[in-house]
Amino acid sequence: MKLFGNRKKEDYVIIIGCGRLGANLANTLSNNDGNVLIMDTNKSAFRRLDSNFGGLSVVGNGTDLEALKSAQIQKATSVIAVTNHDNTNIMIAQIARDLFHIDNVIARLYDPERESVYQAFGIKTICPAILSVKEVDKILENCGEKVHS
């Protein structure tokens, strides 16, 4: 499943964490007519959402089973955990995968050394530090190519 292209109309994405990344994901999905719900423990975090955000925003804790049930997690095709805490993200990912049987679970982690923990649990990860290193490496390679051309 692609989040921003070739989505099915029945796809339902739950994003836990309405920081910069979560809000941008939710806005992009909403702008592409995606069925998205974003949850955060802090109501003021939703100010990051576009004024025309067409999804649902719910105040709640992504590790709370009742909050997840209220968000209809059982209908979700994807759950994305992007809070500011690695431990919270892995807990949310495990709950989504193991208790609610969501196949497409993604968790952000800040500490690249924890990636092996996530992989051991079969959870897809994104790590800003690793992504940044890869992008810088690409830029440096491109600079090197231009210099040597």
N, C-alpha and C. Protein backbone atom coordinates (compact mmCIF):
# COMPACT_ATOMS: atom_id res chain seq x y z
N MET A 1 0.84 -1.18 0.00
CA MET A 1 0.00 0.00 0.00
C MET A 1 0.88 1.24 0.00
N LYS A 2 0.62 2.13 -0.89
CA LYS A 2 1.32 3.42 -0.90
C LYS A 2 0.46 4.42 -0.17
N LEU A 3 1.09 5.21 0.69
CA LEU A 3 0.31 6.19 1.44
C LEU A 3 -0.17 7.33 0.57
N PHE A 4 0.63 7.76 -0.40
CA PHE A 4 0.29 8.97 -1.14
C PHE A 4 -0.02 8.73 -2.60
N GLY A 5 -0.17 7.54 -2.99
CA GLY A 5 -0.55 7.22 -4.36
C GLY A 5 -1.26 5.88 -4.36
N ASN A 6 -1.90 5.52 -5.39
CA ASN A 6 -2.52 4.20 -5.56
C ASN A 6 -3.18 3.64 -4.30
N ARG A 7 -3.77 4.50 -3.49
CA ARG A 7 -4.48 4.03 -2.31
C ARG A 7 -5.84 3.53 -2.73
N LYS A 8 -6.36 2.62 -1.96
CA LYS A 8 -7.73 2.17 -2.16
C LYS A 8 -8.64 3.08 -1.35
N LYS A 9 -9.84 3.28 -1.82
CA LYS A 9 -10.79 4.16 -1.14
C LYS A 9 -11.08 3.68 0.28
N GLU A 10 -11.03 2.37 0.50
CA GLU A 10 -11.36 1.83 1.82
C GLU A 10 -10.17 1.84 2.79
N ASP A 11 -9.00 2.29 2.35
CA ASP A 11 -7.86 2.38 3.26
C ASP A 11 -8.18 3.35 4.39
N TYR A 12 -7.79 2.97 5.58
CA TYR A 12 -8.03 3.79 6.77
C TYR A 12 -6.73 3.83 7.55
N VAL A 13 -6.14 5.01 7.65
CA VAL A 13 -4.85 5.18 8.29
C VAL A 13 -5.02 5.90 9.62
N ILE A 14 -4.43 5.33 10.66
CA ILE A 14 -4.40 5.97 11.97
C ILE A 14 -2.98 6.43 12.24
N ILE A 15 -2.83 7.69 12.57
CA ILE A 15 -1.53 8.26 12.91
C ILE A 15 -1.58 8.64 14.38
N ILE A 16 -0.61 8.17 15.15
CA ILE A 16 -0.52 8.50 16.56
C ILE A 16 0.64 9.48 16.73
N GLY A 17 0.32 10.69 17.13
CA GLY A 17 1.33 11.74 17.31
C GLY A 17 1.12 12.84 16.29
N CYS A 18 0.77 14.03 16.77
CA CYS A 18 0.49 15.15 15.87
C CYS A 18 1.58 16.21 16.00
N GLY A 19 2.83 15.77 15.95
CA GLY A 19 3.95 16.70 15.86
C GLY A 19 4.11 17.10 14.40
N ARG A 20 5.27 17.60 14.05
CA ARG A 20 5.49 18.04 12.66
C ARG A 20 5.30 16.90 11.67
N LEU A 21 5.89 15.73 11.95
CA LEU A 21 5.78 14.61 11.02
C LEU A 21 4.34 14.09 10.95
N GLY A 22 3.74 13.83 12.09
CA GLY A 22 2.38 13.31 12.10
C GLY A 22 1.40 14.24 11.41
N ALA A 23 1.50 15.53 11.70
CA ALA A 23 0.61 16.51 11.08
C ALA A 23 0.82 16.58 9.58
N ASN A 24 2.08 16.56 9.14
CA ASN A 24 2.34 16.59 7.70
C ASN A 24 1.81 15.34 7.00
N LEU A 25 1.99 14.19 7.62
CA LEU A 25 1.42 12.96 7.04
C LEU A 25 -0.09 13.05 6.95
N ALA A 26 -0.73 13.47 8.05
CA ALA A 26 -2.19 13.57 8.08
C ALA A 26 -2.69 14.57 7.05
N ASN A 27 -2.04 15.73 6.96
CA ASN A 27 -2.44 16.73 5.98
C ASN A 27 -2.32 16.21 4.56
N THR A 28 -1.21 15.54 4.27
CA THR A 28 -1.00 15.02 2.93
C THR A 28 -2.03 13.96 2.57
N LEU A 29 -2.30 13.05 3.50
CA LEU A 29 -3.32 12.03 3.25
C LEU A 29 -4.68 12.68 3.05
N SER A 30 -5.03 13.62 3.90
CA SER A 30 -6.31 14.31 3.79
C SER A 30 -6.43 15.05 2.46
N ASN A 31 -5.38 15.74 2.07
CA ASN A 31 -5.39 16.48 0.80
C ASN A 31 -5.52 15.57 -0.41
N ASN A 32 -5.14 14.29 -0.23
CA ASN A 32 -5.27 13.30 -1.31
C ASN A 32 -6.51 12.43 -1.10
N ASP A 33 -7.49 12.98 -0.39
CA ASP A 33 -8.77 12.29 -0.13
C ASP A 33 -8.61 11.00 0.64
N GLY A 34 -7.58 10.91 1.48
CA GLY A 34 -7.39 9.72 2.31
C GLY A 34 -8.30 9.72 3.52
N ASN A 35 -8.60 8.54 3.99
CA ASN A 35 -9.40 8.34 5.19
C ASN A 35 -8.41 8.24 6.35
N VAL A 36 -8.25 9.32 7.11
CA VAL A 36 -7.19 9.39 8.12
C VAL A 36 -7.74 9.88 9.45
N LEU A 37 -7.24 9.30 10.50
CA LEU A 37 -7.50 9.76 11.87
C LEU A 37 -6.16 10.00 12.52
N ILE A 38 -6.04 11.14 13.19
CA ILE A 38 -4.81 11.43 13.92
C ILE A 38 -5.15 11.60 15.39
N MET A 39 -4.31 11.00 16.24
CA MET A 39 -4.54 11.00 17.68
C MET A 39 -3.32 11.60 18.37
N ASP A 40 -3.58 12.40 19.38
CA ASP A 40 -2.50 12.95 20.19
C ASP A 40 -3.05 13.18 21.60
N THR A 41 -2.17 13.13 22.57
CA THR A 41 -2.59 13.36 23.96
C THR A 41 -2.83 14.83 24.24
N ASN A 42 -2.32 15.69 23.38
CA ASN A 42 -2.40 17.14 23.59
C ASN A 42 -3.29 17.78 22.53
N LYS A 43 -4.43 18.30 22.94
CA LYS A 43 -5.38 18.90 22.00
C LYS A 43 -4.75 20.02 21.19
N SER A 44 -3.86 20.80 21.79
CA SER A 44 -3.27 21.94 21.08
C SER A 44 -2.35 21.49 19.93
N ALA A 45 -1.95 20.22 19.92
CA ALA A 45 -1.10 19.73 18.83
C ALA A 45 -1.83 19.78 17.49
N PHE A 46 -3.15 19.73 17.52
CA PHE A 46 -3.92 19.72 16.28
C PHE A 46 -3.89 21.05 15.54
N ARG A 47 -3.33 22.07 16.16
CA ARG A 47 -3.18 23.36 15.48
C ARG A 47 -2.26 23.23 14.27
N ARG A 48 -1.45 22.18 14.25
CA ARG A 48 -0.54 21.96 13.12
C ARG A 48 -1.27 21.45 11.87
N LEU A 49 -2.51 21.01 12.04
CA LEU A 49 -3.27 20.50 10.90
C LEU A 49 -3.77 21.67 10.06
N ASP A 50 -3.86 21.44 8.75
CA ASP A 50 -4.39 22.47 7.85
C ASP A 50 -5.82 22.82 8.23
N SER A 51 -6.23 24.03 7.92
CA SER A 51 -7.60 24.46 8.21
C SER A 51 -8.61 23.64 7.42
N ASN A 52 -8.19 23.08 6.30
CA ASN A 52 -9.09 22.26 5.49
C ASN A 52 -8.89 20.76 5.72
N PHE A 53 -8.26 20.39 6.84
CA PHE A 53 -8.03 18.97 7.16
C PHE A 53 -9.37 18.24 7.16
N GLY A 54 -9.45 17.18 6.36
CA GLY A 54 -10.71 16.45 6.20
C GLY A 54 -10.79 15.17 7.00
N GLY A 55 -9.78 14.87 7.79
CA GLY A 55 -9.80 13.66 8.60
C GLY A 55 -10.35 13.93 9.98
N LEU A 56 -10.18 12.96 10.85
CA LEU A 56 -10.62 13.09 12.23
C LEU A 56 -9.41 13.34 13.12
N SER A 57 -9.58 14.17 14.13
CA SER A 57 -8.54 14.38 15.14
C SER A 57 -9.14 14.01 16.48
N VAL A 58 -8.42 13.18 17.22
CA VAL A 58 -8.93 12.64 18.48
C VAL A 58 -7.88 12.83 19.57
N VAL A 59 -8.31 13.39 20.70
CA VAL A 59 -7.43 13.48 21.85
C VAL A 59 -7.46 12.13 22.54
N GLY A 60 -6.28 11.53 22.67
CA GLY A 60 -6.20 10.22 23.30
C GLY A 60 -4.78 9.72 23.33
N ASN A 61 -4.59 8.66 24.08
CA ASN A 61 -3.28 8.04 24.23
C ASN A 61 -3.24 6.79 23.36
N GLY A 62 -2.27 6.73 22.48
CA GLY A 62 -2.15 5.61 21.54
C GLY A 62 -1.81 4.28 22.18
N THR A 63 -1.49 4.28 23.47
CA THR A 63 -1.24 3.01 24.17
C THR A 63 -2.46 2.56 24.96
N ASP A 64 -3.52 3.34 24.92
CA ASP A 64 -4.76 3.04 25.65
C ASP A 64 -5.68 2.23 24.73
N LEU A 65 -5.97 1.00 25.12
CA LEU A 65 -6.77 0.12 24.28
C LEU A 65 -8.16 0.70 24.01
N GLU A 66 -8.77 1.32 25.00
CA GLU A 66 -10.10 1.89 24.80
C GLU A 66 -10.05 3.06 23.81
N ALA A 67 -9.01 3.88 23.89
CA ALA A 67 -8.86 4.99 22.95
C ALA A 67 -8.69 4.46 21.53
N LEU A 68 -7.91 3.39 21.39
CA LEU A 68 -7.70 2.79 20.07
C LEU A 68 -8.99 2.17 19.53
N LYS A 69 -9.73 1.52 20.41
CA LYS A 69 -11.01 0.95 19.98
C LYS A 69 -11.98 2.05 19.56
N SER A 70 -12.00 3.15 20.29
CA SER A 70 -12.86 4.28 19.93
C SER A 70 -12.47 4.86 18.57
N ALA A 71 -11.18 4.77 18.25
CA ALA A 71 -10.69 5.24 16.95
C ALA A 71 -10.93 4.21 15.85
N GLN A 72 -11.58 3.11 16.20
CA GLN A 72 -11.89 2.01 15.27
C GLN A 72 -10.63 1.43 14.64
N ILE A 73 -9.66 1.15 15.50
CA ILE A 73 -8.41 0.59 15.01
C ILE A 73 -8.62 -0.74 14.28
N GLN A 74 -9.64 -1.46 14.65
CA GLN A 74 -9.89 -2.75 14.02
C GLN A 74 -10.17 -2.59 12.52
N LYS A 75 -10.54 -1.39 12.08
CA LYS A 75 -10.82 -1.12 10.66
C LYS A 75 -9.59 -0.56 9.94
N ALA A 76 -8.53 -0.24 10.68
CA ALA A 76 -7.36 0.42 10.09
C ALA A 76 -6.60 -0.53 9.16
N THR A 77 -6.14 0.02 8.06
CA THR A 77 -5.25 -0.72 7.16
C THR A 77 -3.80 -0.41 7.48
N SER A 78 -3.56 0.73 8.13
CA SER A 78 -2.21 1.12 8.53
C SER A 78 -2.28 1.91 9.84
N VAL A 79 -1.25 1.70 10.67
CA VAL A 79 -1.08 2.48 11.89
C VAL A 79 0.34 3.01 11.86
N ILE A 80 0.48 4.32 12.08
CA ILE A 80 1.78 4.97 12.05
C ILE A 80 2.00 5.64 13.40
N ALA A 81 3.02 5.21 14.12
CA ALA A 81 3.33 5.76 15.45
C ALA A 81 4.50 6.72 15.32
N VAL A 82 4.20 8.01 15.50
CA VAL A 82 5.23 9.04 15.35
C VAL A 82 5.20 10.02 16.52
N THR A 83 5.11 9.48 17.73
CA THR A 83 5.21 10.33 18.91
C THR A 83 6.68 10.71 19.09
N ASN A 84 6.97 11.48 20.10
CA ASN A 84 8.34 11.89 20.36
C ASN A 84 9.11 10.91 21.23
N HIS A 85 8.56 9.72 21.45
CA HIS A 85 9.18 8.76 22.36
C HIS A 85 9.29 7.39 21.71
N ASP A 86 10.51 6.89 21.58
CA ASP A 86 10.73 5.58 20.97
C ASP A 86 9.96 4.47 21.68
N ASN A 87 10.00 4.46 23.01
CA ASN A 87 9.32 3.39 23.74
C ASN A 87 7.81 3.41 23.50
N THR A 88 7.24 4.59 23.44
CA THR A 88 5.81 4.72 23.16
C THR A 88 5.51 4.22 21.76
N ASN A 89 6.34 4.59 20.80
CA ASN A 89 6.11 4.17 19.42
C ASN A 89 6.17 2.65 19.28
N ILE A 90 7.13 2.03 19.93
CA ILE A 90 7.22 0.57 19.80
C ILE A 90 6.04 -0.10 20.51
N MET A 91 5.60 0.47 21.63
CA MET A 91 4.45 -0.10 22.32
C MET A 91 3.19 0.01 21.45
N ILE A 92 2.98 1.17 20.86
CA ILE A 92 1.82 1.36 19.97
C ILE A 92 1.90 0.38 18.80
N ALA A 93 3.08 0.25 18.22
CA ALA A 93 3.25 -0.65 17.08
C ALA A 93 2.96 -2.10 17.46
N GLN A 94 3.44 -2.51 18.61
CA GLN A 94 3.17 -3.88 19.07
C GLN A 94 1.69 -4.10 19.34
N ILE A 95 1.04 -3.14 19.97
CA ILE A 95 -0.40 -3.25 20.24
C ILE A 95 -1.16 -3.37 18.92
N ALA A 96 -0.85 -2.50 17.97
CA ALA A 96 -1.55 -2.51 16.68
C ALA A 96 -1.36 -3.84 15.97
N ARG A 97 -0.13 -4.33 15.97
CA ARG A 97 0.17 -5.56 15.24
C ARG A 97 -0.34 -6.80 15.96
N ASP A 98 -0.06 -6.90 17.26
CA ASP A 98 -0.35 -8.13 17.98
C ASP A 98 -1.78 -8.24 18.49
N LEU A 99 -2.34 -7.14 18.98
CA LEU A 99 -3.69 -7.21 19.53
C LEU A 99 -4.78 -6.94 18.50
N PHE A 100 -4.47 -6.07 17.53
CA PHE A 100 -5.49 -5.71 16.54
C PHE A 100 -5.18 -6.26 15.15
N HIS A 101 -4.07 -6.97 15.01
CA HIS A 101 -3.71 -7.68 13.78
C HIS A 101 -3.61 -6.76 12.55
N ILE A 102 -3.05 -5.57 12.76
CA ILE A 102 -2.82 -4.64 11.66
C ILE A 102 -1.50 -5.04 10.99
N ASP A 103 -1.56 -5.28 9.69
CA ASP A 103 -0.36 -5.74 8.97
C ASP A 103 0.64 -4.61 8.70
N ASN A 104 0.14 -3.45 8.37
CA ASN A 104 1.03 -2.35 7.99
C ASN A 104 1.19 -1.39 9.16
N VAL A 105 2.25 -1.60 9.94
CA VAL A 105 2.53 -0.78 11.11
C VAL A 105 3.91 -0.15 10.92
N ILE A 106 3.97 1.15 11.12
CA ILE A 106 5.23 1.88 10.95
C ILE A 106 5.49 2.67 12.22
N ALA A 107 6.72 2.63 12.70
CA ALA A 107 7.08 3.38 13.90
C ALA A 107 8.33 4.22 13.63
N ARG A 108 8.27 5.46 14.07
CA ARG A 108 9.45 6.30 13.98
C ARG A 108 10.30 6.06 15.22
N LEU A 109 11.60 6.05 15.04
CA LEU A 109 12.49 5.97 16.18
C LEU A 109 13.60 7.00 16.03
N TYR A 110 13.94 7.59 17.13
CA TYR A 110 15.01 8.59 17.14
C TYR A 110 16.37 7.94 17.32
N ASP A 111 16.44 6.89 18.10
CA ASP A 111 17.71 6.23 18.41
C ASP A 111 17.98 5.12 17.41
N PRO A 112 18.93 5.31 16.48
CA PRO A 112 19.20 4.31 15.46
C PRO A 112 19.65 2.97 16.05
N GLU A 113 20.19 2.99 17.25
CA GLU A 113 20.65 1.75 17.86
C GLU A 113 19.49 0.86 18.28
N ARG A 114 18.31 1.41 18.36
CA ARG A 114 17.13 0.64 18.73
C ARG A 114 16.47 -0.04 17.54
N GLU A 115 16.95 0.25 16.36
CA GLU A 115 16.33 -0.31 15.16
C GLU A 115 16.27 -1.82 15.20
N SER A 116 17.29 -2.46 15.74
CA SER A 116 17.30 -3.93 15.80
C SER A 116 16.16 -4.45 16.67
N VAL A 117 15.79 -3.70 17.71
CA VAL A 117 14.66 -4.11 18.56
C VAL A 117 13.38 -4.12 17.73
N TYR A 118 13.16 -3.06 16.98
CA TYR A 118 11.97 -2.96 16.15
C TYR A 118 11.95 -4.08 15.11
N GLN A 119 13.09 -4.30 14.47
CA GLN A 119 13.16 -5.33 13.44
C GLN A 119 12.91 -6.71 14.02
N ALA A 120 13.38 -6.95 15.23
CA ALA A 120 13.13 -8.24 15.88
C ALA A 120 11.63 -8.47 16.08
N PHE A 121 10.89 -7.39 16.27
CA PHE A 121 9.44 -7.49 16.43
C PHE A 121 8.71 -7.45 15.09
N GLY A 122 9.44 -7.34 13.99
CA GLY A 122 8.82 -7.31 12.67
C GLY A 122 8.10 -6.01 12.38
N ILE A 123 8.56 -4.91 12.96
CA ILE A 123 7.91 -3.61 12.78
C ILE A 123 8.74 -2.76 11.83
N LYS A 124 8.06 -2.18 10.84
CA LYS A 124 8.74 -1.28 9.91
C LYS A 124 9.08 0.01 10.63
N THR A 125 10.26 0.55 10.33
CA THR A 125 10.69 1.76 11.02
C THR A 125 11.15 2.83 10.05
N ILE A 126 11.07 4.06 10.53
CA ILE A 126 11.75 5.18 9.88
C ILE A 126 12.56 5.85 10.97
N CYS A 127 13.76 6.22 10.63
CA CYS A 127 14.65 6.85 11.60
C CYS A 127 15.21 8.12 10.96
N PRO A 128 14.77 9.29 11.46
CA PRO A 128 15.24 10.55 10.87
C PRO A 128 16.76 10.66 10.80
N ALA A 129 17.46 10.16 11.81
CA ALA A 129 18.93 10.26 11.80
C ALA A 129 19.51 9.47 10.63
N ILE A 130 19.02 8.26 10.42
CA ILE A 130 19.53 7.42 9.32
C ILE A 130 19.12 8.01 7.97
N LEU A 131 17.88 8.49 7.86
CA LEU A 131 17.43 9.10 6.60
C LEU A 131 18.26 10.33 6.28
N SER A 132 18.58 11.12 7.29
CA SER A 132 19.40 12.31 7.07
C SER A 132 20.80 11.96 6.60
N VAL A 133 21.39 10.96 7.21
CA VAL A 133 22.73 10.51 6.80
C VAL A 133 22.71 10.06 5.34
N LYS A 134 21.68 9.31 4.96
CA LYS A 134 21.58 8.84 3.57
C LYS A 134 21.44 10.00 2.60
N GLU A 135 20.64 11.00 2.96
CA GLU A 135 20.47 12.16 2.09
C GLU A 135 21.76 12.96 1.97
N VAL A 136 22.46 13.17 3.08
CA VAL A 136 23.73 13.89 3.03
C VAL A 136 24.73 13.12 2.17
N ASP A 137 24.74 11.81 2.31
CA ASP A 137 25.63 10.98 1.50
C ASP A 137 25.32 11.14 0.01
N LYS A 138 24.03 11.18 -0.35
CA LYS A 138 23.65 11.38 -1.75
C LYS A 138 24.13 12.74 -2.24
N ILE A 139 23.95 13.76 -1.42
CA ILE A 139 24.38 15.11 -1.81
C ILE A 139 25.89 15.14 -2.02
N LEU A 140 26.62 14.52 -1.10
CA LEU A 140 28.08 14.49 -1.24
C LEU A 140 28.51 13.72 -2.47
N GLU A 141 27.83 12.63 -2.76
CA GLU A 141 28.15 11.85 -3.97
C GLU A 141 27.90 12.70 -5.21
N ASN A 142 26.76 13.41 -5.23
CA ASN A 142 26.44 14.25 -6.38
C ASN A 142 27.46 15.37 -6.54
N CYS A 143 27.90 15.94 -5.45
CA CYS A 143 28.94 16.97 -5.52
C CYS A 143 30.23 16.39 -6.08
N GLY A 144 30.54 15.18 -5.64
CA GLY A 144 31.75 14.52 -6.12
C GLY A 144 31.66 14.22 -7.61
N GLU A 145 30.49 13.82 -8.07
CA GLU A 145 30.31 13.53 -9.50
C GLU A 145 30.49 14.79 -10.34
N LYS A 146 29.94 15.89 -9.84
CA LYS A 146 30.04 17.13 -10.58
C LYS A 146 31.48 17.63 -10.65
N VAL A 147 32.19 17.45 -9.56
CA VAL A 147 33.58 17.89 -9.51
C VAL A 147 34.44 17.07 -10.46
N HIS A 148 34.17 15.78 -10.56
CA HIS A 148 34.98 14.89 -11.38
C HIS A 148 34.50 14.80 -12.82
N SER A 149 33.39 15.40 -13.17
CA SER A 149 32.85 15.27 -14.54
C SER A 149 33.56 16.17 -15.51
